[in-house]
Amino acid sequence: MSILIDPPRWPAHGTLFSHLVSDVSLQELHDFARAQEISSRAFDKDHYDVPQERYDQLVSAGAREVSGSHLVRSLVSSGLRIPAKHRPEKLDGILLTRWGRTLPSEPALGKELLELWSQAHRFYHDRVHLLSVLEAIDQLAQGAVYGEELLQLQLAAWFHDAVYEGTSEDELKSASLARKLLSGILDQRSVSTVSELIMLTAGHTPSDADNLGRILCDADLEVLARPEPAYQRYAQAIYQEYEHLPRDVLAQGRIQILETLIAKGSIYGTSRGKQLWEVAARENLNRELILLRGWL
């Protein structure tokens, strides 16, 4: 076990807090936290915040005492450290700047969407996911999509999980919201295109002729090809969104999704997506399947 804890020196809520991390895997960190009955709500992207009254108990349970600087260095070298741009204090500014380049005439709409993406029940389908999809679109659309089509693609990204309730109706409700809020801002043809693109993210099966659909779906699935520590973080966030389910039910549902992706001839529809992400995504999915089958 490689669980690390730094001294309780971080003030909040009338007490001092320590950071609890693993320099091996998020799975190890979550398993330790669960065994010590630390609430999942204390998890903040790459660490748990634990109050000083728990410090001695956690050390006795096996957490290794290190300095704050040692803890940060270990987290960075493990690959589990969250990039600064994905921290809440950075995300709003970055995303609103991007929105201002996409639809500068509608700043209030950008803020409304950002509020939806910031809802407390979101662990994966949040602002980090939105930014990641937009950045992946940048990669896939560069030199291939311009003007009105690029606008449609970017707006589809902003709206594609704007409604997230963890049900099969999410994409339909998000598409409906896009039609409602974009009518009168875009022409009807563009509104329809944005809506159709959003609906594709329900199954990620665009036609070969649908260039925009293939780009959006690939961007939405880019997370599957992250380096292993980042993929672990993604998977754990998904599990948190469904923590209300029994573990075996969650595992069965997740296995079905992953096996459907693996069974496809290619997970990604664009040539660039295949080149960048196909091999790594399949490796990650197969590793997660081994974990999930162990839960059963």
C-alpha atoms as a PDB file:
ATOM      1  CA  MET A   1       0.000   0.000   0.000  1.00  0.00           C
ATOM      2  CA  SER A   2       1.248   3.482  -0.883  1.00  0.00           C
ATOM      3  CA  ILE A   3      -1.201   5.805   0.868  1.00  0.00           C
ATOM      4  CA  LEU A   4       0.309   9.152   1.828  1.00  0.00           C
ATOM      5  CA  ILE A   5      -0.966  11.858   4.180  1.00  0.00           C
ATOM      6  CA  ASP A   6       0.445  15.311   4.879  1.00  0.00           C
ATOM      7  CA  PRO A   7       0.142  17.238   8.182  1.00  0.00           C
ATOM      8  CA  PRO A   8      -3.215  18.933   8.938  1.00  0.00           C
ATOM      9  CA  ARG A   9      -2.323  22.504   8.005  1.00  0.00           C
ATOM     10  CA  TRP A  10      -5.095  23.538   5.606  1.00  0.00           C
ATOM     11  CA  PRO A  11      -7.837  25.599   7.302  1.00  0.00           C
ATOM     12  CA  ALA A  12     -11.518  25.202   6.404  1.00  0.00           C
ATOM     13  CA  HIS A  13     -14.840  24.942   8.220  1.00  0.00           C
ATOM     14  CA  GLY A  14     -13.316  25.812  11.579  1.00  0.00           C
ATOM     15  CA  THR A  15     -10.677  23.081  11.592  1.00  0.00           C
ATOM     16  CA  LEU A  16      -7.505  21.984   9.792  1.00  0.00           C
ATOM     17  CA  PHE A  17      -7.360  19.415   7.003  1.00  0.00           C
ATOM     18  CA  SER A  18      -4.822  16.940   5.624  1.00  0.00           C
ATOM     19  CA  HIS A  19      -4.593  15.575   2.097  1.00  0.00           C
ATOM     20  CA  LEU A  20      -4.840  11.816   1.647  1.00  0.00           C
ATOM     21  CA  VAL A  21      -3.507  10.386  -1.637  1.00  0.00           C
ATOM     22  CA  SER A  22      -2.191   7.250  -3.284  1.00  0.00           C
ATOM     23  CA  ASP A  23       0.909   7.382  -5.457  1.00  0.00           C
ATOM     24  CA  VAL A  24      -0.062   4.078  -7.107  1.00  0.00           C
ATOM     25  CA  SER A  25      -3.732   4.194  -8.114  1.00  0.00           C
ATOM     26  CA  LEU A  26      -7.048   5.840  -7.414  1.00  0.00           C
ATOM     27  CA  GLN A  27      -8.516   2.390  -6.790  1.00  0.00           C
ATOM     28  CA  GLU A  28      -6.116   1.899  -3.886  1.00  0.00           C
ATOM     29  CA  LEU A  29      -7.008   5.354  -2.535  1.00  0.00           C
ATOM     30  CA  HIS A  30     -10.763   4.744  -2.746  1.00  0.00           C
ATOM     31  CA  ASP A  31     -10.460   1.286  -1.205  1.00  0.00           C
ATOM     32  CA  PHE A  32      -8.529   2.728   1.735  1.00  0.00           C
ATOM     33  CA  ALA A  33     -11.001   5.580   2.155  1.00  0.00           C
ATOM     34  CA  ARG A  34     -13.944   3.171   2.040  1.00  0.00           C
ATOM     35  CA  ALA A  35     -12.344   0.911   4.656  1.00  0.00           C
ATOM     36  CA  GLN A  36     -11.819   3.942   6.916  1.00  0.00           C
ATOM     37  CA  GLU A  37     -15.391   5.164   6.314  1.00  0.00           C
ATOM     38  CA  ILE A  38     -14.317   8.421   4.696  1.00  0.00           C
ATOM     39  CA  SER A  39     -17.206   9.947   2.769  1.00  0.00           C
ATOM     40  CA  SER A  40     -16.890   9.945  -1.024  1.00  0.00           C
ATOM     41  CA  ARG A  41     -17.833  13.616  -0.878  1.00  0.00           C
ATOM     42  CA  ALA A  42     -14.440  14.312   0.707  1.00  0.00           C
ATOM     43  CA  PHE A  43     -12.773  13.273  -2.561  1.00  0.00           C
ATOM     44  CA  ASP A  44     -11.493  16.203  -4.623  1.00  0.00           C
ATOM     45  CA  LYS A  45     -10.321  14.959  -8.036  1.00  0.00           C
ATOM     46  CA  ASP A  46      -7.009  13.407  -6.894  1.00  0.00           C
ATOM     47  CA  HIS A  47      -7.111  13.415  -3.071  1.00  0.00           C
ATOM     48  CA  TYR A  48      -9.355  13.227  -0.035  1.00  0.00           C
ATOM     49  CA  ASP A  49      -9.593  16.158   2.360  1.00  0.00           C
ATOM     50  CA  VAL A  50      -9.653  14.733   5.891  1.00  0.00           C
ATOM     51  CA  PRO A  51     -10.056  16.720   9.132  1.00  0.00           C
ATOM     52  CA  GLN A  52      -7.273  16.771  11.695  1.00  0.00           C
ATOM     53  CA  GLU A  53      -9.209  14.629  14.177  1.00  0.00           C
ATOM     54  CA  ARG A  54      -8.881  11.692  11.748  1.00  0.00           C
ATOM     55  CA  TYR A  55      -5.136  12.115  11.231  1.00  0.00           C
ATOM     56  CA  ASP A  56      -3.791   9.760  13.913  1.00  0.00           C
ATOM     57  CA  GLN A  57      -6.370   7.096  13.066  1.00  0.00           C
ATOM     58  CA  LEU A  58      -5.447   7.149   9.362  1.00  0.00           C
ATOM     59  CA  VAL A  59      -1.739   6.931  10.146  1.00  0.00           C
ATOM     60  CA  SER A  60      -2.445   3.959  12.420  1.00  0.00           C
ATOM     61  CA  ALA A  61      -4.389   2.362   9.559  1.00  0.00           C
ATOM     62  CA  GLY A  62      -1.343   2.550   7.290  1.00  0.00           C
ATOM     63  CA  ALA A  63      -1.215   6.037   5.755  1.00  0.00           C
ATOM     64  CA  ARG A  64       2.416   7.173   5.572  1.00  0.00           C
ATOM     65  CA  GLU A  65       3.205  10.597   7.023  1.00  0.00           C
ATOM     66  CA  VAL A  66       4.998  12.886   4.542  1.00  0.00           C
ATOM     67  CA  SER A  67       5.466  16.607   4.092  1.00  0.00           C
ATOM     68  CA  GLY A  68       3.122  18.575   1.874  1.00  0.00           C
ATOM     69  CA  SER A  69       5.811  19.068  -0.767  1.00  0.00           C
ATOM     70  CA  HIS A  70       6.694  15.355  -0.742  1.00  0.00           C
ATOM     71  CA  LEU A  71       3.022  14.461  -1.188  1.00  0.00           C
ATOM     72  CA  VAL A  72       2.665  16.777  -4.190  1.00  0.00           C
ATOM     73  CA  ARG A  73       5.856  15.492  -5.832  1.00  0.00           C
ATOM     74  CA  SER A  74       4.716  11.895  -5.373  1.00  0.00           C
ATOM     75  CA  LEU A  75       1.296  12.646  -6.839  1.00  0.00           C
ATOM     76  CA  VAL A  76       2.784  14.393  -9.862  1.00  0.00           C
ATOM     77  CA  SER A  77       5.275  11.617 -10.577  1.00  0.00           C
ATOM     78  CA  SER A  78       2.507   8.991 -10.322  1.00  0.00           C
ATOM     79  CA  GLY A  79       0.515  10.684 -13.097  1.00  0.00           C
ATOM     80  CA  LEU A  80      -2.511  11.056 -10.806  1.00  0.00           C
ATOM     81  CA  ARG A  81      -2.193  14.809 -10.233  1.00  0.00           C
ATOM     82  CA  ILE A  82      -5.036  16.874 -11.704  1.00  0.00           C
ATOM     83  CA  PRO A  83      -3.819  19.590 -14.133  1.00  0.00           C
ATOM     84  CA  ALA A  84      -4.270  23.133 -12.828  1.00  0.00           C
ATOM     85  CA  LYS A  85      -6.623  24.030 -15.688  1.00  0.00           C
ATOM     86  CA  HIS A  86      -9.045  21.343 -14.468  1.00  0.00           C
ATOM     87  CA  ARG A  87      -9.341  22.876 -11.026  1.00  0.00           C
ATOM     88  CA  PRO A  88     -12.657  24.632 -10.256  1.00  0.00           C
ATOM     89  CA  GLU A  89     -11.030  28.017  -9.731  1.00  0.00           C
ATOM     90  CA  LYS A  90      -9.639  27.911 -13.292  1.00  0.00           C
ATOM     91  CA  LEU A  91     -12.412  26.200 -15.232  1.00  0.00           C
ATOM     92  CA  ASP A  92     -15.044  28.930 -15.295  1.00  0.00           C
ATOM     93  CA  GLY A  93     -12.693  31.519 -16.740  1.00  0.00           C
ATOM     94  CA  ILE A  94     -11.310  29.142 -19.372  1.00  0.00           C
ATOM     95  CA  LEU A  95     -14.757  27.963 -20.471  1.00  0.00           C
ATOM     96  CA  LEU A  96     -16.337  31.423 -20.549  1.00  0.00           C
ATOM     97  CA  THR A  97     -13.430  32.659 -22.666  1.00  0.00           C
ATOM     98  CA  ARG A  98     -14.070  29.797 -25.100  1.00  0.00           C
ATOM     99  CA  TRP A  99     -17.791  30.556 -25.122  1.00  0.00           C
ATOM    100  CA  GLY A 100     -16.999  34.192 -25.902  1.00  0.00           C
ATOM    101  CA  ARG A 101     -15.167  33.056 -29.040  1.00  0.00           C
ATOM    102  CA  THR A 102     -17.978  30.683 -30.027  1.00  0.00           C
ATOM    103  CA  LEU A 103     -21.077  32.837 -29.526  1.00  0.00           C
ATOM    104  CA  PRO A 104     -19.940  36.293 -28.355  1.00  0.00           C
ATOM    105  CA  SER A 105     -23.411  37.818 -28.761  1.00  0.00           C
ATOM    106  CA  GLU A 106     -24.873  35.585 -26.025  1.00  0.00           C
ATOM    107  CA  PRO A 107     -22.809  35.856 -22.799  1.00  0.00           C
ATOM    108  CA  ALA A 108     -25.834  35.158 -20.588  1.00  0.00           C
ATOM    109  CA  LEU A 109     -26.472  31.846 -22.365  1.00  0.00           C
ATOM    110  CA  GLY A 110     -22.873  30.776 -21.772  1.00  0.00           C
ATOM    111  CA  LYS A 111     -23.236  31.455 -18.050  1.00  0.00           C
ATOM    112  CA  GLU A 112     -26.546  29.566 -17.950  1.00  0.00           C
ATOM    113  CA  LEU A 113     -24.953  26.519 -19.541  1.00  0.00           C
ATOM    114  CA  LEU A 114     -21.952  26.713 -17.239  1.00  0.00           C
ATOM    115  CA  GLU A 115     -24.272  26.645 -14.223  1.00  0.00           C
ATOM    116  CA  LEU A 116     -25.820  23.427 -15.533  1.00  0.00           C
ATOM    117  CA  TRP A 117     -22.404  21.845 -16.056  1.00  0.00           C
ATOM    118  CA  SER A 118     -21.473  22.857 -12.471  1.00  0.00           C
ATOM    119  CA  GLN A 119     -24.269  20.958 -10.693  1.00  0.00           C
ATOM    120  CA  ALA A 120     -23.136  19.198  -7.523  1.00  0.00           C
ATOM    121  CA  HIS A 121     -24.304  15.708  -8.549  1.00  0.00           C
ATOM    122  CA  ARG A 122     -21.895  15.622 -11.500  1.00  0.00           C
ATOM    123  CA  PHE A 123     -18.616  13.806 -10.919  1.00  0.00           C
ATOM    124  CA  TYR A 124     -17.638  12.965 -14.499  1.00  0.00           C
ATOM    125  CA  HIS A 125     -20.190  14.801 -16.675  1.00  0.00           C
ATOM    126  CA  ASP A 126     -18.927  18.139 -15.431  1.00  0.00           C
ATOM    127  CA  ARG A 127     -16.968  21.180 -16.582  1.00  0.00           C
ATOM    128  CA  VAL A 128     -13.766  19.158 -16.951  1.00  0.00           C
ATOM    129  CA  HIS A 129     -15.562  16.838 -19.377  1.00  0.00           C
ATOM    130  CA  LEU A 130     -16.945  19.814 -21.302  1.00  0.00           C
ATOM    131  CA  LEU A 131     -13.496  21.368 -21.647  1.00  0.00           C
ATOM    132  CA  SER A 132     -11.985  18.029 -22.663  1.00  0.00           C
ATOM    133  CA  VAL A 133     -14.582  17.535 -25.421  1.00  0.00           C
ATOM    134  CA  LEU A 134     -14.010  21.062 -26.726  1.00  0.00           C
ATOM    135  CA  GLU A 135     -10.236  20.534 -26.755  1.00  0.00           C
ATOM    136  CA  ALA A 136     -10.630  17.195 -28.544  1.00  0.00           C
ATOM    137  CA  ILE A 137     -12.801  18.908 -31.163  1.00  0.00           C
ATOM    138  CA  ASP A 138      -9.971  21.407 -31.644  1.00  0.00           C
ATOM    139  CA  GLN A 139      -7.666  18.493 -32.510  1.00  0.00           C
ATOM    140  CA  LEU A 140     -10.058  16.645 -34.786  1.00  0.00           C
ATOM    141  CA  ALA A 141     -11.576  19.623 -36.613  1.00  0.00           C
ATOM    142  CA  GLN A 142      -8.346  21.525 -37.257  1.00  0.00           C
ATOM    143  CA  GLY A 143      -7.933  22.091 -40.981  1.00  0.00           C
ATOM    144  CA  ALA A 144     -11.133  20.175 -41.740  1.00  0.00           C
ATOM    145  CA  VAL A 145     -14.117  22.118 -40.346  1.00  0.00           C
ATOM    146  CA  TYR A 146     -14.704  25.851 -40.579  1.00  0.00           C
ATOM    147  CA  GLY A 147     -17.293  28.580 -40.178  1.00  0.00           C
ATOM    148  CA  GLU A 148     -20.896  27.594 -39.551  1.00  0.00           C
ATOM    149  CA  GLU A 149     -20.128  23.882 -39.256  1.00  0.00           C
ATOM    150  CA  LEU A 150     -17.483  24.522 -36.607  1.00  0.00           C
ATOM    151  CA  LEU A 151     -19.983  26.672 -34.699  1.00  0.00           C
ATOM    152  CA  GLN A 152     -22.561  23.853 -34.845  1.00  0.00           C
ATOM    153  CA  LEU A 153     -20.005  21.361 -33.600  1.00  0.00           C
ATOM    154  CA  GLN A 154     -18.904  23.537 -30.696  1.00  0.00           C
ATOM    155  CA  LEU A 155     -22.471  24.308 -29.654  1.00  0.00           C
ATOM    156  CA  ALA A 156     -23.351  20.612 -29.774  1.00  0.00           C
ATOM    157  CA  ALA A 157     -20.470  20.022 -27.345  1.00  0.00           C
ATOM    158  CA  TRP A 158     -21.738  22.735 -24.991  1.00  0.00           C
ATOM    159  CA  PHE A 159     -25.244  21.283 -24.986  1.00  0.00           C
ATOM    160  CA  HIS A 160     -24.584  17.536 -25.255  1.00  0.00           C
ATOM    161  CA  ASP A 161     -24.684  16.872 -21.496  1.00  0.00           C
ATOM    162  CA  ALA A 162     -26.284  20.130 -20.427  1.00  0.00           C
ATOM    163  CA  VAL A 163     -29.043  17.986 -18.933  1.00  0.00           C
ATOM    164  CA  TYR A 164     -27.512  15.183 -16.905  1.00  0.00           C
ATOM    165  CA  GLU A 165     -29.738  13.109 -14.625  1.00  0.00           C
ATOM    166  CA  GLY A 166     -28.126   9.716 -15.224  1.00  0.00           C
ATOM    167  CA  THR A 167     -31.024   8.392 -17.326  1.00  0.00           C
ATOM    168  CA  SER A 168     -31.574   7.324 -20.931  1.00  0.00           C
ATOM    169  CA  GLU A 169     -33.498  10.570 -21.488  1.00  0.00           C
ATOM    170  CA  ASP A 170     -30.498  12.858 -20.923  1.00  0.00           C
ATOM    171  CA  GLU A 171     -29.507  13.284 -24.581  1.00  0.00           C
ATOM    172  CA  LEU A 172     -33.126  13.836 -25.632  1.00  0.00           C
ATOM    173  CA  LYS A 173     -33.607  16.486 -22.953  1.00  0.00           C
ATOM    174  CA  SER A 174     -30.286  18.129 -23.829  1.00  0.00           C
ATOM    175  CA  ALA A 175     -31.247  18.265 -27.511  1.00  0.00           C
ATOM    176  CA  SER A 176     -34.629  19.726 -26.585  1.00  0.00           C
ATOM    177  CA  LEU A 177     -32.920  22.372 -24.442  1.00  0.00           C
ATOM    178  CA  ALA A 178     -30.619  23.266 -27.344  1.00  0.00           C
ATOM    179  CA  ARG A 179     -33.592  23.714 -29.687  1.00  0.00           C
ATOM    180  CA  LYS A 180     -35.341  25.904 -27.124  1.00  0.00           C
ATOM    181  CA  LEU A 181     -32.389  28.141 -26.247  1.00  0.00           C
ATOM    182  CA  LEU A 182     -30.836  28.443 -29.722  1.00  0.00           C
ATOM    183  CA  SER A 183     -34.052  29.196 -31.618  1.00  0.00           C
ATOM    184  CA  GLY A 184     -33.927  32.825 -32.652  1.00  0.00           C
ATOM    185  CA  ILE A 185     -30.141  32.909 -32.270  1.00  0.00           C
ATOM    186  CA  LEU A 186     -29.285  30.483 -35.088  1.00  0.00           C
ATOM    187  CA  ASP A 187     -31.284  29.710 -38.219  1.00  0.00           C
ATOM    188  CA  GLN A 188     -33.555  26.677 -37.985  1.00  0.00           C
ATOM    189  CA  ARG A 189     -31.286  24.478 -40.079  1.00  0.00           C
ATOM    190  CA  SER A 190     -28.355  25.042 -37.739  1.00  0.00           C
ATOM    191  CA  VAL A 191     -30.532  24.468 -34.679  1.00  0.00           C
ATOM    192  CA  SER A 192     -31.660  21.141 -36.154  1.00  0.00           C
ATOM    193  CA  THR A 193     -28.055  20.157 -36.893  1.00  0.00           C
ATOM    194  CA  VAL A 194     -26.977  20.909 -33.327  1.00  0.00           C
ATOM    195  CA  SER A 195     -29.895  18.882 -31.984  1.00  0.00           C
ATOM    196  CA  GLU A 196     -29.124  15.913 -34.233  1.00  0.00           C
ATOM    197  CA  LEU A 197     -25.463  15.970 -33.214  1.00  0.00           C
ATOM    198  CA  ILE A 198     -26.399  15.888 -29.526  1.00  0.00           C
ATOM    199  CA  MET A 199     -28.606  12.846 -30.069  1.00  0.00           C
ATOM    200  CA  LEU A 200     -25.673  10.969 -31.621  1.00  0.00           C
ATOM    201  CA  THR A 201     -23.832  11.030 -28.284  1.00  0.00           C
ATOM    202  CA  ALA A 202     -26.429   8.614 -26.865  1.00  0.00           C
ATOM    203  CA  GLY A 203     -25.028   5.707 -28.867  1.00  0.00           C
ATOM    204  CA  HIS A 204     -21.908   7.046 -30.594  1.00  0.00           C
ATOM    205  CA  THR A 205     -22.842   5.478 -33.935  1.00  0.00           C
ATOM    206  CA  PRO A 206     -22.653   8.232 -36.561  1.00  0.00           C
ATOM    207  CA  SER A 207     -22.797   7.239 -40.210  1.00  0.00           C
ATOM    208  CA  ASP A 208     -19.604   7.137 -42.252  1.00  0.00           C
ATOM    209  CA  ALA A 209     -20.871  10.130 -44.215  1.00  0.00           C
ATOM    210  CA  ASP A 210     -21.508  12.250 -41.097  1.00  0.00           C
ATOM    211  CA  ASN A 211     -18.253  14.128 -40.652  1.00  0.00           C
ATOM    212  CA  LEU A 212     -19.473  16.379 -37.827  1.00  0.00           C
ATOM    213  CA  GLY A 213     -21.101  13.463 -36.019  1.00  0.00           C
ATOM    214  CA  ARG A 214     -17.915  11.398 -36.181  1.00  0.00           C
ATOM    215  CA  ILE A 215     -15.878  14.294 -34.804  1.00  0.00           C
ATOM    216  CA  LEU A 216     -18.271  14.951 -31.911  1.00  0.00           C
ATOM    217  CA  CYS A 217     -18.579  11.287 -30.961  1.00  0.00           C
ATOM    218  CA  ASP A 218     -14.814  10.781 -31.089  1.00  0.00           C
ATOM    219  CA  ALA A 219     -14.294  13.893 -28.959  1.00  0.00           C
ATOM    220  CA  ASP A 220     -16.818  12.607 -26.426  1.00  0.00           C
ATOM    221  CA  LEU A 221     -14.927   9.286 -26.214  1.00  0.00           C
ATOM    222  CA  GLU A 222     -11.411  10.740 -26.152  1.00  0.00           C
ATOM    223  CA  VAL A 223     -11.319  10.105 -22.402  1.00  0.00           C
ATOM    224  CA  LEU A 224     -11.156   6.356 -23.049  1.00  0.00           C
ATOM    225  CA  ALA A 225      -7.608   6.715 -24.398  1.00  0.00           C
ATOM    226  CA  ARG A 226      -6.098   8.684 -21.515  1.00  0.00           C
ATOM    227  CA  PRO A 227      -2.942   7.446 -19.765  1.00  0.00           C
ATOM    228  CA  GLU A 228      -3.856   4.769 -17.227  1.00  0.00           C
ATOM    229  CA  PRO A 229      -3.935   7.031 -14.101  1.00  0.00           C
ATOM    230  CA  ALA A 230      -6.206   9.548 -15.856  1.00  0.00           C
ATOM    231  CA  TYR A 231      -8.411   6.730 -17.123  1.00  0.00           C
ATOM    232  CA  GLN A 232      -8.706   5.431 -13.549  1.00  0.00           C
ATOM    233  CA  ARG A 233      -9.823   8.895 -12.469  1.00  0.00           C
ATOM    234  CA  TYR A 234     -12.468   8.921 -15.205  1.00  0.00           C
ATOM    235  CA  ALA A 235     -13.755   5.467 -14.250  1.00  0.00           C
ATOM    236  CA  GLN A 236     -13.917   6.355 -10.563  1.00  0.00           C
ATOM    237  CA  ALA A 237     -15.912   9.493 -11.384  1.00  0.00           C
ATOM    238  CA  ILE A 238     -18.385   7.375 -13.342  1.00  0.00           C
ATOM    239  CA  TYR A 239     -18.720   5.013 -10.371  1.00  0.00           C
ATOM    240  CA  GLN A 240     -19.393   7.994  -8.094  1.00  0.00           C
ATOM    241  CA  GLU A 241     -22.249   9.129 -10.315  1.00  0.00           C
ATOM    242  CA  TYR A 242     -23.843   5.715  -9.851  1.00  0.00           C
ATOM    243  CA  GLU A 243     -22.842   5.038  -6.250  1.00  0.00           C
ATOM    244  CA  HIS A 244     -26.539   4.814  -5.334  1.00  0.00           C
ATOM    245  CA  LEU A 245     -26.612   1.453  -7.161  1.00  0.00           C
ATOM    246  CA  PRO A 246     -25.443  -1.844  -5.640  1.00  0.00           C
ATOM    247  CA  ARG A 247     -21.901  -2.583  -6.809  1.00  0.00           C
ATOM    248  CA  ASP A 248     -22.902  -5.679  -8.790  1.00  0.00           C
ATOM    249  CA  VAL A 249     -25.651  -3.771 -10.627  1.00  0.00           C
ATOM    250  CA  LEU A 250     -23.232  -0.954 -11.460  1.00  0.00           C
ATOM    251  CA  ALA A 251     -20.659  -3.480 -12.678  1.00  0.00           C
ATOM    252  CA  GLN A 252     -23.159  -5.314 -14.893  1.00  0.00           C
ATOM    253  CA  GLY A 253     -24.337  -2.103 -16.534  1.00  0.00           C
ATOM    254  CA  ARG A 254     -20.829  -0.793 -17.035  1.00  0.00           C
ATOM    255  CA  ILE A 255     -19.615  -4.128 -18.447  1.00  0.00           C
ATOM    256  CA  GLN A 256     -22.393  -4.029 -21.036  1.00  0.00           C
ATOM    257  CA  ILE A 257     -21.344  -0.536 -22.155  1.00  0.00           C
ATOM    258  CA  LEU A 258     -17.646  -1.424 -22.387  1.00  0.00           C
ATOM    259  CA  GLU A 259     -18.238  -4.700 -24.203  1.00  0.00           C
ATOM    260  CA  THR A 260     -20.410  -2.885 -26.765  1.00  0.00           C
ATOM    261  CA  LEU A 261     -17.569  -0.435 -27.429  1.00  0.00           C
ATOM    262  CA  ILE A 262     -14.952  -3.182 -27.732  1.00  0.00           C
ATOM    263  CA  ALA A 263     -17.159  -5.159 -30.132  1.00  0.00           C
ATOM    264  CA  LYS A 264     -17.157  -2.292 -32.613  1.00  0.00           C
ATOM    265  CA  GLY A 265     -14.763  -2.589 -35.538  1.00  0.00           C
ATOM    266  CA  SER A 266     -13.329   0.702 -34.374  1.00  0.00           C
ATOM    267  CA  ILE A 267     -14.229   2.737 -31.309  1.00  0.00           C
ATOM    268  CA  TYR A 268     -13.413   5.944 -33.188  1.00  0.00           C
ATOM    269  CA  GLY A 269     -14.920   7.089 -36.462  1.00  0.00           C
ATOM    270  CA  THR A 270     -12.399   9.654 -37.692  1.00  0.00           C
ATOM    271  CA  SER A 271      -9.035   8.650 -39.089  1.00  0.00           C
ATOM    272  CA  ARG A 272      -7.352  11.072 -36.688  1.00  0.00           C
ATOM    273  CA  GLY A 273      -9.226   9.611 -33.722  1.00  0.00           C
ATOM    274  CA  LYS A 274      -8.235   6.087 -34.686  1.00  0.00           C
ATOM    275  CA  GLN A 275      -4.616   7.111 -35.055  1.00  0.00           C
ATOM    276  CA  LEU A 276      -4.477   8.979 -31.743  1.00  0.00           C
ATOM    277  CA  TRP A 277      -6.650   6.919 -29.451  1.00  0.00           C
ATOM    278  CA  GLU A 278      -7.786   3.475 -30.680  1.00  0.00           C
ATOM    279  CA  VAL A 279      -5.012   1.304 -29.242  1.00  0.00           C
ATOM    280  CA  ALA A 280      -4.873   3.018 -25.845  1.00  0.00           C
ATOM    281  CA  ALA A 281      -8.666   3.005 -25.497  1.00  0.00           C
ATOM    282  CA  ARG A 282      -8.904  -0.735 -26.057  1.00  0.00           C
ATOM    283  CA  GLU A 283      -6.174  -1.391 -23.502  1.00  0.00           C
ATOM    284  CA  ASN A 284      -7.965   0.759 -20.913  1.00  0.00           C
ATOM    285  CA  LEU A 285     -11.352  -0.830 -21.543  1.00  0.00           C
ATOM    286  CA  ASN A 286      -9.965  -4.339 -21.205  1.00  0.00           C
ATOM    287  CA  ARG A 287      -8.245  -3.444 -17.920  1.00  0.00           C
ATOM    288  CA  GLU A 288     -11.461  -1.994 -16.531  1.00  0.00           C
ATOM    289  CA  LEU A 289     -13.432  -5.068 -17.596  1.00  0.00           C
ATOM    290  CA  ILE A 290     -11.089  -7.253 -15.529  1.00  0.00           C
ATOM    291  CA  LEU A 291     -11.751  -5.020 -12.512  1.00  0.00           C
ATOM    292  CA  LEU A 292     -15.529  -5.000 -13.005  1.00  0.00           C
ATOM    293  CA  ARG A 293     -15.757  -8.761 -13.479  1.00  0.00           C
ATOM    294  CA  GLY A 294     -13.910  -9.093 -10.188  1.00  0.00           C
ATOM    295  CA  TRP A 295     -16.754  -7.167  -8.532  1.00  0.00           C
ATOM    296  CA  LEU A 296     -19.131  -9.911  -9.636  1.00  0.00           C
END
